[in-house]
Amino acid sequence: MSITLSQRSAHYTTSPIRELLKLTEQPGMISLAGGLPAADSFPVDALRAACAEVFDTQAQGALQYGPSEGIAPLREWVAAHLRAQGVHATAEEVLITSGSQQGLDLVGRVLIDPGSTVLVERPTYLGALQAFSPYAPQFADLDEDADGPLPALQSPERRAARMVYLQPNFRNPTGQTMTAARRTQWAQALQHSAIALVEDDPYGALWFDGPPPAPLAAQLAGQSILLGTFSKVLSPGLRLGYVHGPQDIIAKMALARQAADLQTSSLTQRLVLNVLEGGLLDAQLPRIRALYRAQRDAMLAALSRHMPGNVHWDVPQGGMFLWLRLPDGADATALLPLALARKVAYVPGTAFYAVGPVPRNTLRLSYATATPEQIDTAIAHLGAVFSESQHALHQTTPVLAA
């Protein structure tokens, strides 16, 4: 006899990005697929020194169990960091998590009932869809324009939504940033509703020409949940993130996470606090921004050189991603094996849509990990694949007599 699985387990599905990452281990593969930070950006020496200092001065606390909410000094550091961005925040309103992905799961646990409507951008972050789906919501897409998703909440379905999930800064997968005016429109619309705002901000510190507008949470005290992470600015291997929200919601999340992992690593928290209090980010962030900006510029230049004229993209002002739009009728999923055969990996855009109809002519490129030389080679190969596919399509399309 086989073991009977729960109905919820059916919602745990394979991530196409994770599957692609396995392929990137092949020799010679250039990956523009995964949203991995550049390994050259990791502050190895600073973390090594911090680790030695923590073991010299705080070994017992670092190796012991700790509070589910996180250690108090790190919660206060996060609260002060958010206050500097205009968010009303206290340490009691902060939960330290094992990466922001755990924060998304906790949001699902405490906010979503089966059938709850969850409003999402179109396209949106695949990891959020994976985190929320086991709690059986009804996803509803938001329309958008160049300023960002539109706060159109007039329909009964949207007015009854449990929450709206937004990535205002350098959104994954499109790289788009919501304008300040659109953020105010969202705040005004949500103030007159019972809809919770879930604001995910893993990339906000990775700006190129200037910081993005203030978080929406700065205009929605008591109605917003803001997620952040140290994965993109220090190291994803540390698995350290945070959630800010109303104190009663944070308390409920702390209880929910006790059923899974009790707490975030005490050692990791003290290690990160050590480098934060030492001012590491003041030196670290300009270096990462310069690195990613140079690699973004290399990708933009390569796209201009190698892409057919009917392939389009926008210019991200920060973050790690660029969104490519192929001509109507093209299928980025069907073209992926041809790209892989030329040792280039990308993520087809179909992975990032919550509900249909799903366009098949989009794809996400990451410029974070490849060198400028690798980027040029990879984009040249992709340009050849897309050009050849368009030529083949035209060759096989019947020509009607005039």
Protein backbone atom coordinates (compact mmCIF):
# COMPACT_ATOMS: atom_id res chain seq x y z
CA MET A 1 0.00 0.00 0.00
CA SER A 2 1.16 3.52 -0.75
CA ILE A 3 1.11 6.42 1.68
CA THR A 4 -1.77 8.85 1.16
CA LEU A 5 -0.58 12.40 0.62
CA SER A 6 -2.40 15.48 1.82
CA GLN A 7 -4.38 17.58 -0.64
CA ARG A 8 -2.00 20.44 0.12
CA SER A 9 0.98 18.43 -1.09
CA ALA A 10 -0.38 18.60 -4.64
CA HIS A 11 0.42 22.33 -4.64
CA TYR A 12 4.15 21.71 -4.11
CA THR A 13 5.47 21.69 -7.66
CA THR A 14 8.89 21.75 -9.26
CA SER A 15 10.41 25.16 -9.89
CA PRO A 16 11.52 25.46 -13.53
CA ILE A 17 14.27 27.78 -12.35
CA ARG A 18 15.64 25.18 -9.94
CA GLU A 19 15.56 22.59 -12.70
CA LEU A 20 17.43 24.97 -15.00
CA LEU A 21 20.09 25.53 -12.35
CA LYS A 22 20.95 21.82 -12.56
CA LEU A 23 21.67 22.28 -16.28
CA THR A 24 23.93 25.26 -15.64
CA GLU A 25 26.42 22.91 -13.98
CA GLN A 26 27.26 21.50 -17.40
CA PRO A 27 30.74 22.49 -18.62
CA GLY A 28 30.70 25.61 -20.77
CA MET A 29 27.11 26.59 -19.94
CA ILE A 30 26.54 30.35 -19.56
CA SER A 31 23.59 30.87 -17.26
CA LEU A 32 21.44 33.95 -17.63
CA ALA A 33 18.71 32.05 -15.79
CA GLY A 34 19.06 31.93 -12.01
CA GLY A 35 18.68 35.00 -9.83
CA LEU A 36 21.92 34.26 -8.00
CA PRO A 37 24.05 37.08 -6.60
CA ALA A 38 27.53 37.41 -8.03
CA ALA A 39 29.95 35.30 -5.98
CA ASP A 40 32.53 38.09 -6.34
CA SER A 41 30.24 40.30 -4.26
CA PHE A 42 30.41 38.12 -1.13
CA PRO A 43 32.33 39.88 1.70
CA VAL A 44 34.36 36.80 2.59
CA ASP A 45 37.09 38.52 4.61
CA ALA A 46 34.64 40.58 6.65
CA LEU A 47 32.48 37.56 7.42
CA ARG A 48 35.52 35.49 8.36
CA ALA A 49 36.69 38.16 10.79
CA ALA A 50 33.18 38.57 12.21
CA CYS A 51 32.90 34.83 12.74
CA ALA A 52 36.14 34.77 14.72
CA GLU A 53 35.01 37.71 16.84
CA VAL A 54 31.59 36.18 17.54
CA PHE A 55 33.19 32.92 18.66
CA ASP A 56 35.69 34.82 20.81
CA THR A 57 33.09 36.97 22.57
CA GLN A 58 29.62 35.41 22.15
CA ALA A 59 30.18 31.71 21.56
CA GLN A 60 27.65 30.43 24.09
CA GLY A 61 24.84 32.64 22.81
CA ALA A 62 25.73 32.01 19.18
CA LEU A 63 25.55 28.23 19.64
CA GLN A 64 22.39 28.21 21.78
CA TYR A 65 18.69 28.32 21.03
CA GLY A 66 17.27 31.83 20.76
CA PRO A 67 13.90 33.58 20.56
CA SER A 68 11.61 32.71 17.66
CA GLU A 69 11.28 36.40 16.80
CA GLY A 70 15.05 36.84 16.46
CA ILE A 71 17.68 38.36 18.71
CA ALA A 72 16.70 41.79 20.00
CA PRO A 73 19.71 43.81 18.72
CA LEU A 74 19.21 42.58 15.13
CA ARG A 75 15.48 43.31 15.27
CA GLU A 76 16.31 46.83 16.42
CA TRP A 77 18.86 47.26 13.61
CA VAL A 78 16.23 46.28 11.04
CA ALA A 79 13.67 48.63 12.62
CA ALA A 80 16.15 51.52 12.47
CA HIS A 81 16.99 50.64 8.86
CA LEU A 82 13.29 50.82 7.96
CA ARG A 83 12.75 54.05 9.90
CA ALA A 84 15.49 55.62 7.78
CA GLN A 85 13.28 54.84 4.75
CA GLY A 86 10.24 56.52 6.28
CA VAL A 87 8.57 53.39 7.69
CA HIS A 88 7.21 53.57 11.23
CA ALA A 89 8.93 50.53 12.74
CA THR A 90 9.81 49.19 16.17
CA ALA A 91 11.80 46.10 17.08
CA GLU A 92 8.60 44.45 18.31
CA GLU A 93 7.22 44.73 14.76
CA VAL A 94 10.13 42.78 13.24
CA LEU A 95 10.53 39.02 12.81
CA ILE A 96 13.89 37.59 11.73
CA THR A 97 13.43 34.74 9.24
CA SER A 98 15.53 32.06 7.55
CA GLY A 99 15.58 34.00 4.30
CA SER A 100 12.70 36.06 2.93
CA GLN A 101 11.26 32.92 1.28
CA GLN A 102 10.32 31.73 4.76
CA GLY A 103 8.67 35.10 5.31
CA LEU A 104 6.50 34.53 2.23
CA ASP A 105 5.47 31.11 3.54
CA LEU A 106 4.56 32.63 6.91
CA VAL A 107 2.46 35.27 5.14
CA GLY A 108 0.56 32.45 3.47
CA ARG A 109 0.13 30.59 6.74
CA VAL A 110 -1.35 33.47 8.69
CA LEU A 111 -3.26 35.40 6.00
CA ILE A 112 -4.59 32.94 3.40
CA ASP A 113 -7.61 30.67 3.77
CA PRO A 114 -8.68 28.28 1.00
CA GLY A 115 -10.36 30.37 -1.67
CA SER A 116 -8.98 33.71 -0.45
CA THR A 117 -8.34 36.11 -3.31
CA VAL A 118 -4.70 37.18 -3.62
CA LEU A 119 -3.93 40.00 -6.07
CA VAL A 120 -0.59 39.73 -7.86
CA GLU A 121 1.36 41.56 -10.53
CA ARG A 122 1.41 40.17 -14.05
CA PRO A 123 4.02 38.68 -14.25
CA THR A 124 5.07 38.11 -10.64
CA TYR A 125 7.74 36.37 -8.58
CA LEU A 126 7.58 32.58 -9.02
CA GLY A 127 8.78 31.96 -5.45
CA ALA A 128 5.81 33.87 -4.05
CA LEU A 129 3.38 31.80 -6.11
CA GLN A 130 5.07 28.65 -4.80
CA ALA A 131 4.87 29.91 -1.21
CA PHE A 132 1.20 30.92 -1.38
CA SER A 133 -0.22 28.11 -3.54
CA PRO A 134 -0.27 25.39 -0.84
CA TYR A 135 -2.76 27.51 1.11
CA ALA A 136 -5.18 27.31 -1.85
CA PRO A 137 -5.85 30.96 -2.70
CA GLN A 138 -7.55 32.28 -5.81
CA PHE A 139 -4.98 34.38 -7.66
CA ALA A 140 -6.14 37.43 -9.60
CA ASP A 141 -3.87 39.41 -11.90
CA LEU A 142 -3.48 43.18 -11.83
CA ASP A 143 -3.43 45.26 -14.99
CA GLU A 144 -0.47 47.60 -15.31
CA ASP A 145 1.11 50.39 -17.30
CA ALA A 146 4.56 51.96 -17.43
CA ASP A 147 4.19 53.28 -13.85
CA GLY A 148 3.44 49.85 -12.38
CA PRO A 149 0.39 47.75 -11.48
CA LEU A 150 -2.90 49.63 -11.38
CA PRO A 151 -4.82 49.86 -8.07
CA ALA A 152 -8.14 48.99 -9.72
CA LEU A 153 -10.12 47.55 -6.80
CA GLN A 154 -13.66 48.41 -7.89
CA SER A 155 -14.95 44.90 -8.68
CA PRO A 156 -16.50 42.84 -5.86
CA GLU A 157 -13.80 40.17 -6.27
CA ARG A 158 -11.00 42.67 -5.83
CA ARG A 159 -12.67 44.55 -2.97
CA ALA A 160 -12.98 41.21 -1.13
CA ALA A 161 -9.33 40.26 -1.69
CA ARG A 162 -7.40 39.10 1.36
CA MET A 163 -4.13 40.65 0.27
CA VAL A 164 -2.16 42.16 -2.60
CA TYR A 165 1.42 41.03 -3.23
CA LEU A 166 3.71 43.64 -4.83
CA GLN A 167 7.41 44.00 -5.64
CA PRO A 168 7.75 47.76 -6.19
CA ASN A 169 11.54 47.85 -6.60
CA PHE A 170 13.30 46.27 -9.62
CA ARG A 171 10.67 43.58 -9.78
CA ASN A 172 11.48 39.94 -10.39
CA PRO A 173 11.12 39.07 -13.27
CA THR A 174 10.67 42.31 -15.25
CA GLY A 175 13.08 44.70 -13.49
CA GLN A 176 10.31 47.34 -13.40
CA THR A 177 10.15 49.93 -10.60
CA MET A 178 6.86 51.38 -9.44
CA THR A 179 6.80 55.18 -9.57
CA ALA A 180 6.29 57.31 -6.48
CA ALA A 181 2.95 58.55 -7.81
CA ARG A 182 1.69 55.00 -8.35
CA ARG A 183 2.76 54.05 -4.81
CA THR A 184 0.67 56.90 -3.45
CA GLN A 185 -2.29 55.77 -5.55
CA TRP A 186 -1.97 52.28 -4.10
CA ALA A 187 -1.75 53.60 -0.54
CA GLN A 188 -4.84 55.74 -1.04
CA ALA A 189 -6.78 52.84 -2.56
CA LEU A 190 -5.82 50.37 0.17
CA GLN A 191 -6.56 52.78 3.03
CA HIS A 192 -10.24 52.44 2.21
CA SER A 193 -10.20 48.63 2.11
CA ALA A 194 -9.56 45.62 4.32
CA ILE A 195 -6.87 44.34 1.93
CA ALA A 196 -3.43 43.69 3.42
CA LEU A 197 -0.42 44.93 1.46
CA VAL A 198 2.44 42.44 1.23
CA GLU A 199 5.45 44.38 -0.04
CA ASP A 200 8.44 42.26 -1.03
CA ASP A 201 11.71 44.19 -1.34
CA PRO A 202 14.74 41.95 -1.92
CA TYR A 203 16.37 44.26 -4.49
CA GLY A 204 15.69 47.82 -3.28
CA ALA A 205 19.29 48.45 -2.19
CA LEU A 206 20.64 47.44 -5.62
CA TRP A 207 19.90 50.72 -7.43
CA PHE A 208 22.18 52.18 -10.08
CA ASP A 209 21.52 55.91 -10.59
CA GLY A 210 19.55 56.70 -7.43
CA PRO A 211 17.46 55.02 -4.74
CA PRO A 212 13.89 54.00 -5.54
CA PRO A 213 10.94 55.85 -3.94
CA ALA A 214 10.06 55.19 -0.32
CA PRO A 215 8.34 51.89 0.48
CA LEU A 216 4.56 51.76 0.26
CA ALA A 217 4.68 50.70 3.91
CA ALA A 218 5.70 54.27 4.77
CA GLN A 219 2.19 55.35 3.74
CA LEU A 220 0.28 52.35 5.15
CA ALA A 221 1.17 51.99 8.83
CA GLY A 222 -0.71 49.10 10.39
CA GLN A 223 -1.91 47.67 7.07
CA SER A 224 1.30 46.49 5.42
CA ILE A 225 3.72 43.60 5.71
CA LEU A 226 7.20 44.37 4.38
CA LEU A 227 9.73 41.63 3.59
CA GLY A 228 13.48 42.10 3.21
CA THR A 229 16.58 39.95 2.96
CA PHE A 230 20.33 40.01 3.40
CA SER A 231 20.80 37.44 0.61
CA LYS A 232 21.35 40.00 -2.14
CA VAL A 233 23.60 42.38 -0.19
CA LEU A 234 25.68 39.94 1.89
CA SER A 235 25.21 36.28 0.94
CA PRO A 236 22.28 33.94 0.24
CA GLY A 237 24.10 31.16 2.09
CA LEU A 238 23.50 33.03 5.34
CA ARG A 239 19.74 32.45 4.91
CA LEU A 240 18.74 35.59 6.77
CA GLY A 241 15.72 37.79 6.09
CA TYR A 242 13.07 39.71 7.98
CA VAL A 243 9.41 40.64 8.05
CA HIS A 244 8.00 43.92 9.36
CA GLY A 245 4.32 44.28 10.12
CA PRO A 246 1.69 44.98 12.77
CA GLN A 247 2.78 43.56 16.10
CA ASP A 248 -0.13 41.11 16.34
CA ILE A 249 0.66 39.72 12.88
CA ILE A 250 4.34 39.36 13.74
CA ALA A 251 3.43 37.51 16.93
CA LYS A 252 1.21 35.12 14.99
CA MET A 253 3.98 34.52 12.43
CA ALA A 254 6.41 33.73 15.26
CA LEU A 255 4.01 31.08 16.53
CA ALA A 256 3.55 29.68 13.02
CA ARG A 257 7.28 29.35 12.41
CA GLN A 258 7.76 27.47 15.70
CA ALA A 259 6.09 24.48 14.03
CA ALA A 260 8.76 24.46 11.32
CA ASP A 261 12.19 25.54 12.57
CA LEU A 262 11.72 27.21 15.98
CA GLN A 263 14.09 30.09 15.12
CA THR A 264 16.66 31.45 12.71
CA SER A 265 20.24 30.37 13.42
CA SER A 266 21.61 32.22 16.45
CA LEU A 267 25.11 32.06 14.97
CA THR A 268 24.03 33.57 11.66
CA GLN A 269 22.12 36.38 13.34
CA ARG A 270 25.07 37.38 15.52
CA LEU A 271 27.47 37.11 12.61
CA VAL A 272 25.36 39.40 10.42
CA LEU A 273 24.73 41.85 13.25
CA ASN A 274 28.47 42.10 13.79
CA VAL A 275 29.18 43.17 10.20
CA LEU A 276 26.14 45.47 10.06
CA GLU A 277 27.16 47.31 13.22
CA GLY A 278 30.68 47.54 11.83
CA GLY A 279 29.36 49.48 8.83
CA LEU A 280 30.08 46.85 6.20
CA LEU A 281 27.13 47.84 4.02
CA ASP A 282 28.56 51.34 3.54
CA ALA A 283 31.45 49.76 1.61
CA GLN A 284 29.64 46.70 0.28
CA LEU A 285 26.65 48.28 -1.44
CA PRO A 286 28.52 50.74 -3.73
CA ARG A 287 30.72 47.87 -4.89
CA ILE A 288 27.73 45.62 -5.70
CA ARG A 289 25.85 48.42 -7.45
CA ALA A 290 28.86 49.22 -9.63
CA LEU A 291 29.32 45.54 -10.48
CA TYR A 292 25.69 44.96 -11.47
CA ARG A 293 25.44 48.24 -13.34
CA ALA A 294 28.48 47.32 -15.47
CA GLN A 295 26.98 43.90 -16.20
CA ARG A 296 23.59 45.40 -17.01
CA ASP A 297 25.26 47.82 -19.41
CA ALA A 298 27.12 44.93 -21.00
CA MET A 299 23.84 43.09 -21.54
CA LEU A 300 22.11 46.15 -22.99
CA ALA A 301 25.01 46.70 -25.40
CA ALA A 302 24.99 43.04 -26.41
CA LEU A 303 21.24 43.07 -26.97
CA SER A 304 21.58 46.10 -29.23
CA ARG A 305 24.33 44.34 -31.21
CA HIS A 306 22.87 40.87 -31.56
CA MET A 307 19.08 40.85 -31.25
CA PRO A 308 16.67 40.99 -34.20
CA GLY A 309 14.91 44.33 -34.53
CA ASN A 310 11.53 42.94 -33.42
CA VAL A 311 12.81 41.81 -30.00
CA HIS A 312 12.16 44.37 -27.26
CA TRP A 313 13.28 45.08 -23.70
CA ASP A 314 13.18 47.80 -21.06
CA VAL A 315 16.15 49.25 -19.17
CA PRO A 316 16.11 48.23 -15.48
CA GLN A 317 17.34 50.90 -13.07
CA GLY A 318 18.53 48.37 -10.52
CA GLY A 319 18.21 44.79 -9.40
CA MET A 320 19.37 41.73 -11.29
CA PHE A 321 16.92 41.08 -14.15
CA LEU A 322 15.94 42.13 -17.65
CA TRP A 323 12.69 41.09 -19.39
CA LEU A 324 12.78 40.22 -23.07
CA ARG A 325 9.73 40.27 -25.35
CA LEU A 326 9.94 38.24 -28.57
CA PRO A 327 7.58 38.85 -31.50
CA ASP A 328 4.00 37.61 -31.26
CA GLY A 329 3.86 33.94 -32.17
CA ALA A 330 7.31 33.14 -30.78
CA ASP A 331 7.52 30.55 -27.98
CA ALA A 332 10.35 31.10 -25.50
CA THR A 333 9.76 27.69 -23.90
CA ALA A 334 10.02 25.87 -27.23
CA LEU A 335 13.19 27.82 -28.08
CA LEU A 336 14.93 27.03 -24.79
CA PRO A 337 16.32 23.62 -25.90
CA LEU A 338 17.91 25.36 -28.90
CA ALA A 339 19.54 27.88 -26.57
CA LEU A 340 20.71 25.14 -24.22
CA ALA A 341 22.26 23.33 -27.18
CA ARG A 342 24.36 26.48 -27.67
CA LYS A 343 25.26 26.47 -23.96
CA VAL A 344 23.03 29.38 -22.90
CA ALA A 345 20.27 29.18 -20.26
CA TYR A 346 17.38 31.57 -19.61
CA VAL A 347 13.99 31.33 -17.88
CA PRO A 348 10.88 31.30 -20.10
CA GLY A 349 8.37 33.89 -18.97
CA THR A 350 5.51 31.41 -18.62
CA ALA A 351 6.82 30.49 -15.15
CA PHE A 352 5.91 33.90 -13.74
CA TYR A 353 2.18 34.11 -14.46
CA ALA A 354 -0.39 33.19 -11.81
CA VAL A 355 -3.40 32.83 -14.14
CA GLY A 356 -4.02 32.72 -17.88
CA PRO A 357 -3.91 33.59 -20.60
CA VAL A 358 -0.14 33.23 -20.43
CA PRO A 359 1.96 34.88 -23.17
CA ARG A 360 4.61 32.53 -24.49
CA ASN A 361 6.91 35.10 -26.10
CA THR A 362 8.64 36.46 -22.96
CA LEU A 363 11.74 35.42 -21.04
CA ARG A 364 13.82 36.57 -18.07
CA LEU A 365 17.55 37.22 -18.28
CA SER A 366 19.83 37.77 -15.30
CA TYR A 367 23.01 39.81 -15.69
CA ALA A 368 24.19 39.26 -12.10
CA THR A 369 26.57 36.31 -12.39
CA ALA A 370 28.03 36.30 -15.91
CA THR A 371 31.04 38.39 -16.91
CA PRO A 372 30.65 41.03 -19.65
CA GLU A 373 32.48 38.72 -22.04
CA GLN A 374 30.18 35.80 -21.20
CA ILE A 375 27.15 38.05 -21.52
CA ASP A 376 28.17 39.12 -25.03
CA THR A 377 28.77 35.51 -26.08
CA ALA A 378 25.46 34.35 -24.61
CA ILE A 379 23.40 37.14 -26.16
CA ALA A 380 25.05 36.52 -29.53
CA HIS A 381 23.97 32.87 -29.33
CA LEU A 382 20.44 33.84 -28.28
CA GLY A 383 20.20 36.39 -31.06
CA ALA A 384 21.14 33.67 -33.56
CA VAL A 385 18.54 31.28 -32.11
CA PHE A 386 15.78 33.88 -32.25
CA SER A 387 16.73 35.03 -35.77
CA GLU A 388 16.86 31.48 -37.10
CA SER A 389 13.52 30.61 -35.51
CA GLN A 390 11.88 33.65 -37.09
CA HIS A 391 13.34 32.75 -40.47
CA ALA A 392 12.10 29.17 -40.17
CA LEU A 393 8.64 30.41 -39.14
CA HIS A 394 8.42 32.66 -42.19
CA GLN A 395 9.65 29.87 -44.45
CA THR A 396 6.88 27.53 -43.28
CA THR A 397 4.07 30.10 -43.21
CA PRO A 398 1.80 29.76 -46.27
CA VAL A 399 1.80 32.81 -48.52
CA LEU A 400 -1.69 33.76 -49.67
CA ALA A 401 -2.16 34.90 -53.23
CA ALA A 402 -3.00 38.55 -53.66
